[in-house]
Amino acid sequence: MPVVFTLVALLALIGFWWLSMWILLAGRLKWRELLPAAVVTAMCWIGMEFVFRLTFSSSVIADDHKYGPIGVVFAFMSYLIAIGVVLIIGAVFSAFRRDRKVLSAAKSPS
């Protein structure tokens, strides 16, 4: 059952990121060009959720004991930073893939 849930979540996340990218870019890129970035972002998101599901609770408790209430804020900030990293990875992958495609098109003889 967890595998089915993960696959459904992956498909939902792909759809969410795909639509979000298209809206945020105001339709300047085609749907097909945005799909790989949406897939990478969704896969990284699932991986991040898996890691934080294993570590987040203990991190909040340990930081609370070690630093007090500000430690809980530190734990939440680590989660927010991880979200930023996942989004940046998706964007960088998309830019890298697009640049490679442009370079290979420029090198190929016409």
PDB file of N, CA and C in Angstrom:
ATOM      1  N   MET A   1       0.805  -1.206   0.000  1.00  0.00           N
ATOM      2  CA  MET A   1       0.000   0.000   0.000  1.00  0.00           C
ATOM      3  C   MET A   1       0.854   1.279   0.000  1.00  0.00           C
ATOM      4  N   PRO A   2       1.969   1.335   0.764  1.00  0.00           N
ATOM      5  CA  PRO A   2       2.785   2.551   0.713  1.00  0.00           C
ATOM      6  C   PRO A   2       3.360   2.822  -0.680  1.00  0.00           C
ATOM      7  N   VAL A   3       3.622   1.771  -1.448  1.00  0.00           N
ATOM      8  CA  VAL A   3       4.163   1.966  -2.794  1.00  0.00           C
ATOM      9  C   VAL A   3       3.104   2.609  -3.687  1.00  0.00           C
ATOM     10  N   VAL A   4       1.872   2.147  -3.573  1.00  0.00           N
ATOM     11  CA  VAL A   4       0.782   2.716  -4.367  1.00  0.00           C
ATOM     12  C   VAL A   4       0.566   4.177  -3.977  1.00  0.00           C
ATOM     13  N   PHE A   5       0.583   4.444  -2.668  1.00  0.00           N
ATOM     14  CA  PHE A   5       0.419   5.820  -2.195  1.00  0.00           C
ATOM     15  C   PHE A   5       1.543   6.709  -2.720  1.00  0.00           C
ATOM     16  N   THR A   6       2.754   6.201  -2.708  1.00  0.00           N
ATOM     17  CA  THR A   6       3.898   6.975  -3.202  1.00  0.00           C
ATOM     18  C   THR A   6       3.753   7.260  -4.692  1.00  0.00           C
ATOM     19  N   LEU A   7       3.315   6.280  -5.464  1.00  0.00           N
ATOM     20  CA  LEU A   7       3.132   6.500  -6.903  1.00  0.00           C
ATOM     21  C   LEU A   7       2.028   7.514  -7.187  1.00  0.00           C
ATOM     22  N   VAL A   8       0.935   7.428  -6.438  1.00  0.00           N
ATOM     23  CA  VAL A   8      -0.149   8.398  -6.607  1.00  0.00           C
ATOM     24  C   VAL A   8       0.332   9.795  -6.217  1.00  0.00           C
ATOM     25  N   ALA A   9       1.073   9.874  -5.107  1.00  0.00           N
ATOM     26  CA  ALA A   9       1.621  11.171  -4.677  1.00  0.00           C
ATOM     27  C   ALA A   9       2.596  11.708  -5.717  1.00  0.00           C
ATOM     28  N   LEU A  10       3.412  10.838  -6.288  1.00  0.00           N
ATOM     29  CA  LEU A  10       4.357  11.262  -7.320  1.00  0.00           C
ATOM     30  C   LEU A  10       3.625  11.830  -8.534  1.00  0.00           C
ATOM     31  N   LEU A  11       2.583  11.145  -8.974  1.00  0.00           N
ATOM     32  CA  LEU A  11       1.815  11.644 -10.116  1.00  0.00           C
ATOM     33  C   LEU A  11       1.127  12.968  -9.796  1.00  0.00           C
ATOM     34  N   ALA A  12       0.592  13.086  -8.585  1.00  0.00           N
ATOM     35  CA  ALA A  12      -0.049  14.344  -8.185  1.00  0.00           C
ATOM     36  C   ALA A  12       0.969  15.475  -8.117  1.00  0.00           C
ATOM     37  N   LEU A  13       2.151  15.190  -7.577  1.00  0.00           N
ATOM     38  CA  LEU A  13       3.190  16.212  -7.494  1.00  0.00           C
ATOM     39  C   LEU A  13       3.703  16.619  -8.875  1.00  0.00           C
ATOM     40  N   ILE A  14       3.841  15.646  -9.766  1.00  0.00           N
ATOM     41  CA  ILE A  14       4.248  15.981 -11.135  1.00  0.00           C
ATOM     42  C   ILE A  14       3.234  16.929 -11.753  1.00  0.00           C
ATOM     43  N   GLY A  15       1.966  16.608 -11.594  1.00  0.00           N
ATOM     44  CA  GLY A  15       0.922  17.488 -12.123  1.00  0.00           C
ATOM     45  C   GLY A  15       0.954  18.866 -11.491  1.00  0.00           C
ATOM     46  N   PHE A  16       1.137  18.914 -10.185  1.00  0.00           N
ATOM     47  CA  PHE A  16       1.190  20.195  -9.480  1.00  0.00           C
ATOM     48  C   PHE A  16       2.359  21.044  -9.956  1.00  0.00           C
ATOM     49  N   TRP A  17       3.557  20.448  -9.998  1.00  0.00           N
ATOM     50  CA  TRP A  17       4.728  21.235 -10.402  1.00  0.00           C
ATOM     51  C   TRP A  17       4.676  21.598 -11.879  1.00  0.00           C
ATOM     52  N   TRP A  18       4.139  20.710 -12.691  1.00  0.00           N
ATOM     53  CA  TRP A  18       4.015  20.973 -14.118  1.00  0.00           C
ATOM     54  C   TRP A  18       3.104  22.178 -14.357  1.00  0.00           C
ATOM     55  N   LEU A  19       1.945  22.176 -13.709  1.00  0.00           N
ATOM     56  CA  LEU A  19       1.010  23.281 -13.839  1.00  0.00           C
ATOM     57  C   LEU A  19       1.582  24.558 -13.227  1.00  0.00           C
ATOM     58  N   SER A  20       2.229  24.430 -12.078  1.00  0.00           N
ATOM     59  CA  SER A  20       2.809  25.611 -11.424  1.00  0.00           C
ATOM     60  C   SER A  20       3.860  26.267 -12.295  1.00  0.00           C
ATOM     61  N   MET A  21       4.730  25.474 -12.896  1.00  0.00           N
ATOM     62  CA  MET A  21       5.771  26.032 -13.759  1.00  0.00           C
ATOM     63  C   MET A  21       5.159  26.731 -14.958  1.00  0.00           C
ATOM     64  N   TRP A  22       4.142  26.122 -15.533  1.00  0.00           N
ATOM     65  CA  TRP A  22       3.516  26.704 -16.711  1.00  0.00           C
ATOM     66  C   TRP A  22       2.844  28.031 -16.361  1.00  0.00           C
ATOM     67  N   ILE A  23       2.167  28.069 -15.202  1.00  0.00           N
ATOM     68  CA  ILE A  23       1.507  29.306 -14.771  1.00  0.00           C
ATOM     69  C   ILE A  23       2.538  30.382 -14.443  1.00  0.00           C
ATOM     70  N   LEU A  24       3.571  30.016 -13.676  1.00  0.00           N
ATOM     71  CA  LEU A  24       4.568  31.008 -13.277  1.00  0.00           C
ATOM     72  C   LEU A  24       5.366  31.552 -14.459  1.00  0.00           C
ATOM     73  N   LEU A  25       5.535  30.737 -15.486  1.00  0.00           N
ATOM     74  CA  LEU A  25       6.242  31.194 -16.679  1.00  0.00           C
ATOM     75  C   LEU A  25       5.288  31.813 -17.704  1.00  0.00           C
ATOM     76  N   ALA A  26       4.022  31.934 -17.329  1.00  0.00           N
ATOM     77  CA  ALA A  26       2.996  32.569 -18.166  1.00  0.00           C
ATOM     78  C   ALA A  26       2.901  31.918 -19.548  1.00  0.00           C
ATOM     79  N   GLY A  27       3.121  30.603 -19.601  1.00  0.00           N
ATOM     80  CA  GLY A  27       2.979  29.879 -20.855  1.00  0.00           C
ATOM     81  C   GLY A  27       4.080  30.132 -21.867  1.00  0.00           C
ATOM     82  N   ARG A  28       5.194  30.732 -21.434  1.00  0.00           N
ATOM     83  CA  ARG A  28       6.287  31.028 -22.380  1.00  0.00           C
ATOM     84  C   ARG A  28       7.002  29.768 -22.855  1.00  0.00           C
ATOM     85  N   LEU A  29       6.959  28.714 -22.051  1.00  0.00           N
ATOM     86  CA  LEU A  29       7.543  27.430 -22.465  1.00  0.00           C
ATOM     87  C   LEU A  29       6.423  26.439 -22.709  1.00  0.00           C
ATOM     88  N   LYS A  30       6.670  25.535 -23.630  1.00  0.00           N
ATOM     89  CA  LYS A  30       5.661  24.526 -23.948  1.00  0.00           C
ATOM     90  C   LYS A  30       5.549  23.513 -22.811  1.00  0.00           C
ATOM     91  N   TRP A  31       4.409  22.870 -22.748  1.00  0.00           N
ATOM     92  CA  TRP A  31       4.174  21.856 -21.713  1.00  0.00           C
ATOM     93  C   TRP A  31       5.241  20.773 -21.770  1.00  0.00           C
ATOM     94  N   ARG A  32       5.582  20.354 -22.983  1.00  0.00           N
ATOM     95  CA  ARG A  32       6.554  19.272 -23.163  1.00  0.00           C
ATOM     96  C   ARG A  32       7.925  19.649 -22.597  1.00  0.00           C
ATOM     97  N   GLU A  33       8.305  20.906 -22.718  1.00  0.00           N
ATOM     98  CA  GLU A  33       9.596  21.364 -22.205  1.00  0.00           C
ATOM     99  C   GLU A  33       9.618  21.388 -20.672  1.00  0.00           C
ATOM    100  N   LEU A  34       8.466  21.558 -20.048  1.00  0.00           N
ATOM    101  CA  LEU A  34       8.394  21.661 -18.593  1.00  0.00           C
ATOM    102  C   LEU A  34       8.280  20.310 -17.900  1.00  0.00           C
ATOM    103  N   LEU A  35       7.883  19.277 -18.633  1.00  0.00           N
ATOM    104  CA  LEU A  35       7.649  17.974 -18.001  1.00  0.00           C
ATOM    105  C   LEU A  35       8.883  17.391 -17.307  1.00  0.00           C
ATOM    106  N   PRO A  36      10.061  17.368 -17.910  1.00  0.00           N
ATOM    107  CA  PRO A  36      11.218  16.795 -17.204  1.00  0.00           C
ATOM    108  C   PRO A  36      11.535  17.503 -15.889  1.00  0.00           C
ATOM    109  N   ALA A  37      11.427  18.822 -15.871  1.00  0.00           N
ATOM    110  CA  ALA A  37      11.684  19.566 -14.639  1.00  0.00           C
ATOM    111  C   ALA A  37      10.642  19.236 -13.585  1.00  0.00           C
ATOM    112  N   ALA A  38       9.401  19.068 -14.005  1.00  0.00           N
ATOM    113  CA  ALA A  38       8.342  18.704 -13.059  1.00  0.00           C
ATOM    114  C   ALA A  38       8.580  17.322 -12.481  1.00  0.00           C
ATOM    115  N   VAL A  39       9.039  16.392 -13.303  1.00  0.00           N
ATOM    116  CA  VAL A  39       9.315  15.031 -12.829  1.00  0.00           C
ATOM    117  C   VAL A  39      10.473  15.044 -11.827  1.00  0.00           C
ATOM    118  N   VAL A  40      11.545  15.753 -12.146  1.00  0.00           N
ATOM    119  CA  VAL A  40      12.702  15.821 -11.242  1.00  0.00           C
ATOM    120  C   VAL A  40      12.310  16.488  -9.927  1.00  0.00           C
ATOM    121  N   THR A  41      11.570  17.581 -10.007  1.00  0.00           N
ATOM    122  CA  THR A  41      11.146  18.276  -8.798  1.00  0.00           C
ATOM    123  C   THR A  41      10.265  17.378  -7.942  1.00  0.00           C
ATOM    124  N   ALA A  42       9.329  16.659  -8.562  1.00  0.00           N
ATOM    125  CA  ALA A  42       8.446  15.766  -7.816  1.00  0.00           C
ATOM    126  C   ALA A  42       9.228  14.623  -7.174  1.00  0.00           C
ATOM    127  N   MET A  43      10.193  14.062  -7.892  1.00  0.00           N
ATOM    128  CA  MET A  43      10.985  12.972  -7.323  1.00  0.00           C
ATOM    129  C   MET A  43      11.832  13.458  -6.148  1.00  0.00           C
ATOM    130  N   CYS A  44      12.415  14.639  -6.288  1.00  0.00           N
ATOM    131  CA  CYS A  44      13.194  15.204  -5.178  1.00  0.00           C
ATOM    132  C   CYS A  44      12.289  15.509  -3.983  1.00  0.00           C
ATOM    133  N   TRP A  45      11.080  15.976  -4.257  1.00  0.00           N
ATOM    134  CA  TRP A  45      10.129  16.273  -3.180  1.00  0.00           C
ATOM    135  C   TRP A  45       9.785  14.993  -2.415  1.00  0.00           C
ATOM    136  N   ILE A  46       9.525  13.914  -3.143  1.00  0.00           N
ATOM    137  CA  ILE A  46       9.216  12.631  -2.488  1.00  0.00           C
ATOM    138  C   ILE A  46      10.407  12.180  -1.655  1.00  0.00           C
ATOM    139  N   GLY A  47      11.616  12.313  -2.190  1.00  0.00           N
ATOM    140  CA  GLY A  47      12.810  11.942  -1.431  1.00  0.00           C
ATOM    141  C   GLY A  47      12.979  12.787  -0.188  1.00  0.00           C
ATOM    142  N   MET A  48      12.738  14.092  -0.314  1.00  0.00           N
ATOM    143  CA  MET A  48      12.839  14.981   0.839  1.00  0.00           C
ATOM    144  C   MET A  48      11.810  14.598   1.901  1.00  0.00           C
ATOM    145  N   GLU A  49      10.590  14.317   1.473  1.00  0.00           N
ATOM    146  CA  GLU A  49       9.552  13.917   2.428  1.00  0.00           C
ATOM    147  C   GLU A  49       9.928  12.616   3.134  1.00  0.00           C
ATOM    148  N   PHE A  50      10.513  11.689   2.400  1.00  0.00           N
ATOM    149  CA  PHE A  50      10.928  10.417   3.006  1.00  0.00           C
ATOM    150  C   PHE A  50      11.990  10.651   4.080  1.00  0.00           C
ATOM    151  N   VAL A  51      12.983  11.465   3.761  1.00  0.00           N
ATOM    152  CA  VAL A  51      14.058  11.752   4.721  1.00  0.00           C
ATOM    153  C   VAL A  51      13.505  12.474   5.946  1.00  0.00           C
ATOM    154  N   PHE A  52      12.678  13.482   5.712  1.00  0.00           N
ATOM    155  CA  PHE A  52      12.151  14.236   6.845  1.00  0.00           C
ATOM    156  C   PHE A  52      11.145  13.423   7.655  1.00  0.00           C
ATOM    157  N   ARG A  53      10.468  12.495   7.019  1.00  0.00           N
ATOM    158  CA  ARG A  53       9.566  11.629   7.784  1.00  0.00           C
ATOM    159  C   ARG A  53      10.365  10.782   8.781  1.00  0.00           C
ATOM    160  N   LEU A  54      11.575  10.419   8.408  1.00  0.00           N
ATOM    161  CA  LEU A  54      12.417   9.619   9.299  1.00  0.00           C
ATOM    162  C   LEU A  54      13.132  10.455  10.354  1.00  0.00           C
ATOM    163  N   THR A  55      13.449  11.709  10.030  1.00  0.00           N
ATOM    164  CA  THR A  55      14.332  12.480  10.906  1.00  0.00           C
ATOM    165  C   THR A  55      13.709  13.703  11.563  1.00  0.00           C
ATOM    166  N   PHE A  56      12.609  14.224  11.048  1.00  0.00           N
ATOM    167  CA  PHE A  56      12.122  15.524  11.485  1.00  0.00           C
ATOM    168  C   PHE A  56      11.658  15.533  12.942  1.00  0.00           C
ATOM    169  N   SER A  57      10.897  14.544  13.334  1.00  0.00           N
ATOM    170  CA  SER A  57      10.375  14.511  14.701  1.00  0.00           C
ATOM    171  C   SER A  57      11.504  14.485  15.728  1.00  0.00           C
ATOM    172  N   SER A  58      12.461  13.613  15.509  1.00  0.00           N
ATOM    173  CA  SER A  58      13.580  13.532  16.452  1.00  0.00           C
ATOM    174  C   SER A  58      14.424  14.808  16.415  1.00  0.00           C
ATOM    175  N   SER A  59      14.509  15.445  15.256  1.00  0.00           N
ATOM    176  CA  SER A  59      15.255  16.697  15.152  1.00  0.00           C
ATOM    177  C   SER A  59      14.575  17.811  15.942  1.00  0.00           C
ATOM    178  N   VAL A  60      13.264  17.893  15.852  1.00  0.00           N
ATOM    179  CA  VAL A  60      12.529  18.918  16.603  1.00  0.00           C
ATOM    180  C   VAL A  60      12.707  18.696  18.097  1.00  0.00           C
ATOM    181  N   ILE A  61      12.575  17.468  18.535  1.00  0.00           N
ATOM    182  CA  ILE A  61      12.706  17.161  19.967  1.00  0.00           C
ATOM    183  C   ILE A  61      14.125  17.430  20.458  1.00  0.00           C
ATOM    184  N   ALA A  62      15.115  16.970  19.696  1.00  0.00           N
ATOM    185  CA  ALA A  62      16.504  17.165  20.106  1.00  0.00           C
ATOM    186  C   ALA A  62      16.868  18.651  20.132  1.00  0.00           C
ATOM    187  N   ASP A  63      16.428  19.390  19.117  1.00  0.00           N
ATOM    188  CA  ASP A  63      16.727  20.823  19.091  1.00  0.00           C
ATOM    189  C   ASP A  63      16.002  21.571  20.206  1.00  0.00           C
ATOM    190  N   ASP A  64      14.797  21.110  20.555  1.00  0.00           N
ATOM    191  CA  ASP A  64      14.069  21.738  21.655  1.00  0.00           C
ATOM    192  C   ASP A  64      14.804  21.515  22.978  1.00  0.00           C
ATOM    193  N   HIS A  65      15.279  20.303  23.192  1.00  0.00           N
ATOM    194  CA  HIS A  65      16.017  20.018  24.428  1.00  0.00           C
ATOM    195  C   HIS A  65      17.350  20.760  24.470  1.00  0.00           C
ATOM    196  N   LYS A  66      17.998  20.878  23.319  1.00  0.00           N
ATOM    197  CA  LYS A  66      19.323  21.477  23.269  1.00  0.00           C
ATOM    198  C   LYS A  66      19.292  23.005  23.325  1.00  0.00           C
ATOM    199  N   TYR A  67      18.360  23.630  22.559  1.00  0.00           N
ATOM    200  CA  TYR A  67      18.352  25.081  22.424  1.00  0.00           C
ATOM    201  C   TYR A  67      17.098  25.759  22.973  1.00  0.00           C
ATOM    202  N   GLY A  68      16.101  24.980  23.351  1.00  0.00           N
ATOM    203  CA  GLY A  68      14.850  25.558  23.811  1.00  0.00           C
ATOM    204  C   GLY A  68      13.926  25.830  22.633  1.00  0.00           C
ATOM    205  N   PRO A  69      12.978  26.746  22.811  1.00  0.00           N
ATOM    206  CA  PRO A  69      11.996  27.011  21.748  1.00  0.00           C
ATOM    207  C   PRO A  69      12.619  27.451  20.419  1.00  0.00           C
ATOM    208  N   ILE A  70      13.735  28.148  20.466  1.00  0.00           N
ATOM    209  CA  ILE A  70      14.369  28.566  19.208  1.00  0.00           C
ATOM    210  C   ILE A  70      14.896  27.354  18.436  1.00  0.00           C
ATOM    211  N   GLY A  71      15.185  26.261  19.134  1.00  0.00           N
ATOM    212  CA  GLY A  71      15.619  25.039  18.466  1.00  0.00           C
ATOM    213  C   GLY A  71      14.546  24.465  17.565  1.00  0.00           C
ATOM    214  N   VAL A  72      13.285  24.596  17.986  1.00  0.00           N
ATOM    215  CA  VAL A  72      12.176  24.142  17.148  1.00  0.00           C
ATOM    216  C   VAL A  72      12.121  24.975  15.868  1.00  0.00           C
ATOM    217  N   VAL A  73      12.371  26.261  15.994  1.00  0.00           N
ATOM    218  CA  VAL A  73      12.409  27.138  14.822  1.00  0.00           C
ATOM    219  C   VAL A  73      13.544  26.708  13.894  1.00  0.00           C
ATOM    220  N   PHE A  74      14.690  26.350  14.466  1.00  0.00           N
ATOM    221  CA  PHE A  74      15.812  25.869  13.647  1.00  0.00           C
ATOM    222  C   PHE A  74      15.416  24.619  12.861  1.00  0.00           C
ATOM    223  N   ALA A  75      14.706  23.710  13.519  1.00  0.00           N
ATOM    224  CA  ALA A  75      14.285  22.483  12.841  1.00  0.00           C
ATOM    225  C   ALA A  75      13.330  22.800  11.693  1.00  0.00           C
ATOM    226  N   PHE A  76      12.373  23.697  11.930  1.00  0.00           N
ATOM    227  CA  PHE A  76      11.450  24.079  10.857  1.00  0.00           C
ATOM    228  C   PHE A  76      12.174  24.815   9.732  1.00  0.00           C
ATOM    229  N   MET A  77      13.155  25.614  10.077  1.00  0.00           N
ATOM    230  CA  MET A  77      13.917  26.308   9.041  1.00  0.00           C
ATOM    231  C   MET A  77      14.698  25.325   8.171  1.00  0.00           C
ATOM    232  N   SER A  78      15.194  24.257   8.765  1.00  0.00           N
ATOM    233  CA  SER A  78      15.892  23.255   7.956  1.00  0.00           C
ATOM    234  C   SER A  78      14.931  22.630   6.947  1.00  0.00           C
ATOM    235  N   TYR A  79      13.684  22.444   7.349  1.00  0.00           N
ATOM    236  CA  TYR A  79      12.673  21.908   6.438  1.00  0.00           C
ATOM    237  C   TYR A  79      12.407  22.906   5.302  1.00  0.00           C
ATOM    238  N   LEU A  80      12.274  24.174   5.636  1.00  0.00           N
ATOM    239  CA  LEU A  80      12.021  25.190   4.614  1.00  0.00           C
ATOM    240  C   LEU A  80      13.210  25.348   3.667  1.00  0.00           C
ATOM    241  N   ILE A  81      14.411  25.249   4.190  1.00  0.00           N
ATOM    242  CA  ILE A  81      15.603  25.310   3.335  1.00  0.00           C
ATOM    243  C   ILE A  81      15.623  24.117   2.380  1.00  0.00           C
ATOM    244  N   ALA A  82      15.256  22.939   2.876  1.00  0.00           N
ATOM    245  CA  ALA A  82      15.207  21.751   2.020  1.00  0.00           C
ATOM    246  C   ALA A  82      14.187  21.936   0.902  1.00  0.00           C
ATOM    247  N   ILE A  83      13.060  22.560   1.193  1.00  0.00           N
ATOM    248  CA  ILE A  83      12.071  22.838   0.147  1.00  0.00           C
ATOM    249  C   ILE A  83      12.691  23.742  -0.919  1.00  0.00           C
ATOM    250  N   GLY A  84      13.401  24.767  -0.491  1.00  0.00           N
ATOM    251  CA  GLY A  84      14.072  25.656  -1.448  1.00  0.00           C
ATOM    252  C   GLY A  84      15.078  24.924  -2.305  1.00  0.00           C
ATOM    253  N   VAL A  85      15.829  24.020  -1.696  1.00  0.00           N
ATOM    254  CA  VAL A  85      16.829  23.249  -2.440  1.00  0.00           C
ATOM    255  C   VAL A  85      16.152  22.378  -3.495  1.00  0.00           C
ATOM    256  N   VAL A  86      15.045  21.744  -3.128  1.00  0.00           N
ATOM    257  CA  VAL A  86      14.314  20.897  -4.081  1.00  0.00           C
ATOM    258  C   VAL A  86      13.832  21.728  -5.270  1.00  0.00           C
ATOM    259  N   LEU A  87      13.297  22.893  -5.009  1.00  0.00           N
ATOM    260  CA  LEU A  87      12.816  23.750  -6.104  1.00  0.00           C
ATOM    261  C   LEU A  87      13.962  24.213  -6.990  1.00  0.00           C
ATOM    262  N   ILE A  88      15.085  24.531  -6.388  1.00  0.00           N
ATOM    263  CA  ILE A  88      16.240  24.970  -7.170  1.00  0.00           C
ATOM    264  C   ILE A  88      16.791  23.824  -8.008  1.00  0.00           C
ATOM    265  N   ILE A  89      16.824  22.621  -7.452  1.00  0.00           N
ATOM    266  CA  ILE A  89      17.297  21.466  -8.221  1.00  0.00           C
ATOM    267  C   ILE A  89      16.443  21.273  -9.465  1.00  0.00           C
ATOM    268  N   GLY A  90      15.122  21.368  -9.333  1.00  0.00           N
ATOM    269  CA  GLY A  90      14.236  21.237 -10.493  1.00  0.00           C
ATOM    270  C   GLY A  90      14.497  22.307 -11.530  1.00  0.00           C
ATOM    271  N   ALA A  91      14.683  23.546 -11.089  1.00  0.00           N
ATOM    272  CA  ALA A  91      14.929  24.652 -12.025  1.00  0.00           C
ATOM    273  C   ALA A  91      16.283  24.499 -12.715  1.00  0.00           C
ATOM    274  N   VAL A  92      17.301  24.123 -11.955  1.00  0.00           N
ATOM    275  CA  VAL A  92      18.635  23.957 -12.539  1.00  0.00           C
ATOM    276  C   VAL A  92      18.647  22.802 -13.529  1.00  0.00           C
ATOM    277  N   PHE A  93      17.971  21.713 -13.192  1.00  0.00           N
ATOM    278  CA  PHE A  93      17.890  20.586 -14.123  1.00  0.00           C
ATOM    279  C   PHE A  93      17.242  21.020 -15.431  1.00  0.00           C
ATOM    280  N   SER A  94      16.173  21.783 -15.331  1.00  0.00           N
ATOM    281  CA  SER A  94      15.479  22.247 -16.523  1.00  0.00           C
ATOM    282  C   SER A  94      16.370  23.152 -17.368  1.00  0.00           C
ATOM    283  N   ALA A  95      17.063  24.078 -16.726  1.00  0.00           N
ATOM    284  CA  ALA A  95      17.954  24.987 -17.461  1.00  0.00           C
ATOM    285  C   ALA A  95      19.112  24.221 -18.100  1.00  0.00           C
ATOM    286  N   PHE A  96      19.679  23.268 -17.365  1.00  0.00           N
ATOM    287  CA  PHE A  96      20.782  22.463 -17.893  1.00  0.00           C
ATOM    288  C   PHE A  96      20.326  21.664 -19.105  1.00  0.00           C
ATOM    289  N   ARG A  97      19.172  21.041 -18.996  1.00  0.00           N
ATOM    290  CA  ARG A  97      18.643  20.227 -20.087  1.00  0.00           C
ATOM    291  C   ARG A  97      18.350  21.096 -21.316  1.00  0.00           C
ATOM    292  N   ARG A  98      17.778  22.260 -21.065  1.00  0.00           N
ATOM    293  CA  ARG A  98      17.451  23.167 -22.171  1.00  0.00           C
ATOM    294  C   ARG A  98      18.725  23.673 -22.860  1.00  0.00           C
ATOM    295  N   ASP A  99      19.746  24.033 -22.076  1.00  0.00           N
ATOM    296  CA  ASP A  99      21.012  24.492 -22.652  1.00  0.00           C
ATOM    297  C   ASP A  99      21.691  23.394 -23.456  1.00  0.00           C
ATOM    298  N   ARG A 100      21.661  22.182 -22.938  1.00  0.00           N
ATOM    299  CA  ARG A 100      22.255  21.060 -23.680  1.00  0.00           C
ATOM    300  C   ARG A 100      21.545  20.840 -24.996  1.00  0.00           C
ATOM    301  N   LYS A 101      20.225  20.969 -24.969  1.00  0.00           N
ATOM    302  CA  LYS A 101      19.444  20.775 -26.185  1.00  0.00           C
ATOM    303  C   LYS A 101      19.782  21.859 -27.216  1.00  0.00           C
ATOM    304  N   VAL A 102      19.922  23.096 -26.763  1.00  0.00           N
ATOM    305  CA  VAL A 102      20.264  24.201 -27.651  1.00  0.00           C
ATOM    306  C   VAL A 102      21.669  24.000 -28.222  1.00  0.00           C
ATOM    307  N   LEU A 103      22.624  23.600 -27.367  1.00  0.00           N
ATOM    308  CA  LEU A 103      23.996  23.387 -27.839  1.00  0.00           C
ATOM    309  C   LEU A 103      24.085  22.242 -28.834  1.00  0.00           C
ATOM    310  N   SER A 104      23.365  21.168 -28.575  1.00  0.00           N
ATOM    311  CA  SER A 104      23.419  20.027 -29.508  1.00  0.00           C
ATOM    312  C   SER A 104      22.756  20.388 -30.834  1.00  0.00           C
ATOM    313  N   ALA A 105      21.727  21.226 -30.798  1.00  0.00           N
ATOM    314  CA  ALA A 105      21.083  21.664 -32.039  1.00  0.00           C
ATOM    315  C   ALA A 105      22.012  22.584 -32.829  1.00  0.00           C
ATOM    316  N   ALA A 106      22.796  23.400 -32.121  1.00  0.00           N
ATOM    317  CA  ALA A 106      23.729  24.303 -32.787  1.00  0.00           C
ATOM    318  C   ALA A 106      24.905  23.555 -33.396  1.00  0.00           C
ATOM    319  N   LYS A 107      25.314  22.461 -32.780  1.00  0.00           N
ATOM    320  CA  LYS A 107      26.461  21.703 -33.288  1.00  0.00           C
ATOM    321  C   LYS A 107      26.098  20.782 -34.439  1.00  0.00           C
ATOM    322  N   SER A 108      24.850  20.352 -34.486  1.00  0.00           N
ATOM    323  CA  SER A 108      24.480  19.388 -35.535  1.00  0.00           C
ATOM    324  C   SER A 108      24.433  20.097 -36.897  1.00  0.00           C
ATOM    325  N   PRO A 109      24.992  19.432 -37.906  1.00  0.00           N
ATOM    326  CA  PRO A 109      25.001  20.046 -39.246  1.00  0.00           C
ATOM    327  C   PRO A 109      23.588  20.054 -39.828  1.00  0.00           C
ATOM    328  N   SER A 110      23.275  21.133 -40.501  1.00  0.00           N
ATOM    329  CA  SER A 110      21.929  21.265 -41.093  1.00  0.00           C
ATOM    330  C   SER A 110      21.901  20.827 -42.514  1.00  0.00           C
TER     331      SER A 110
END
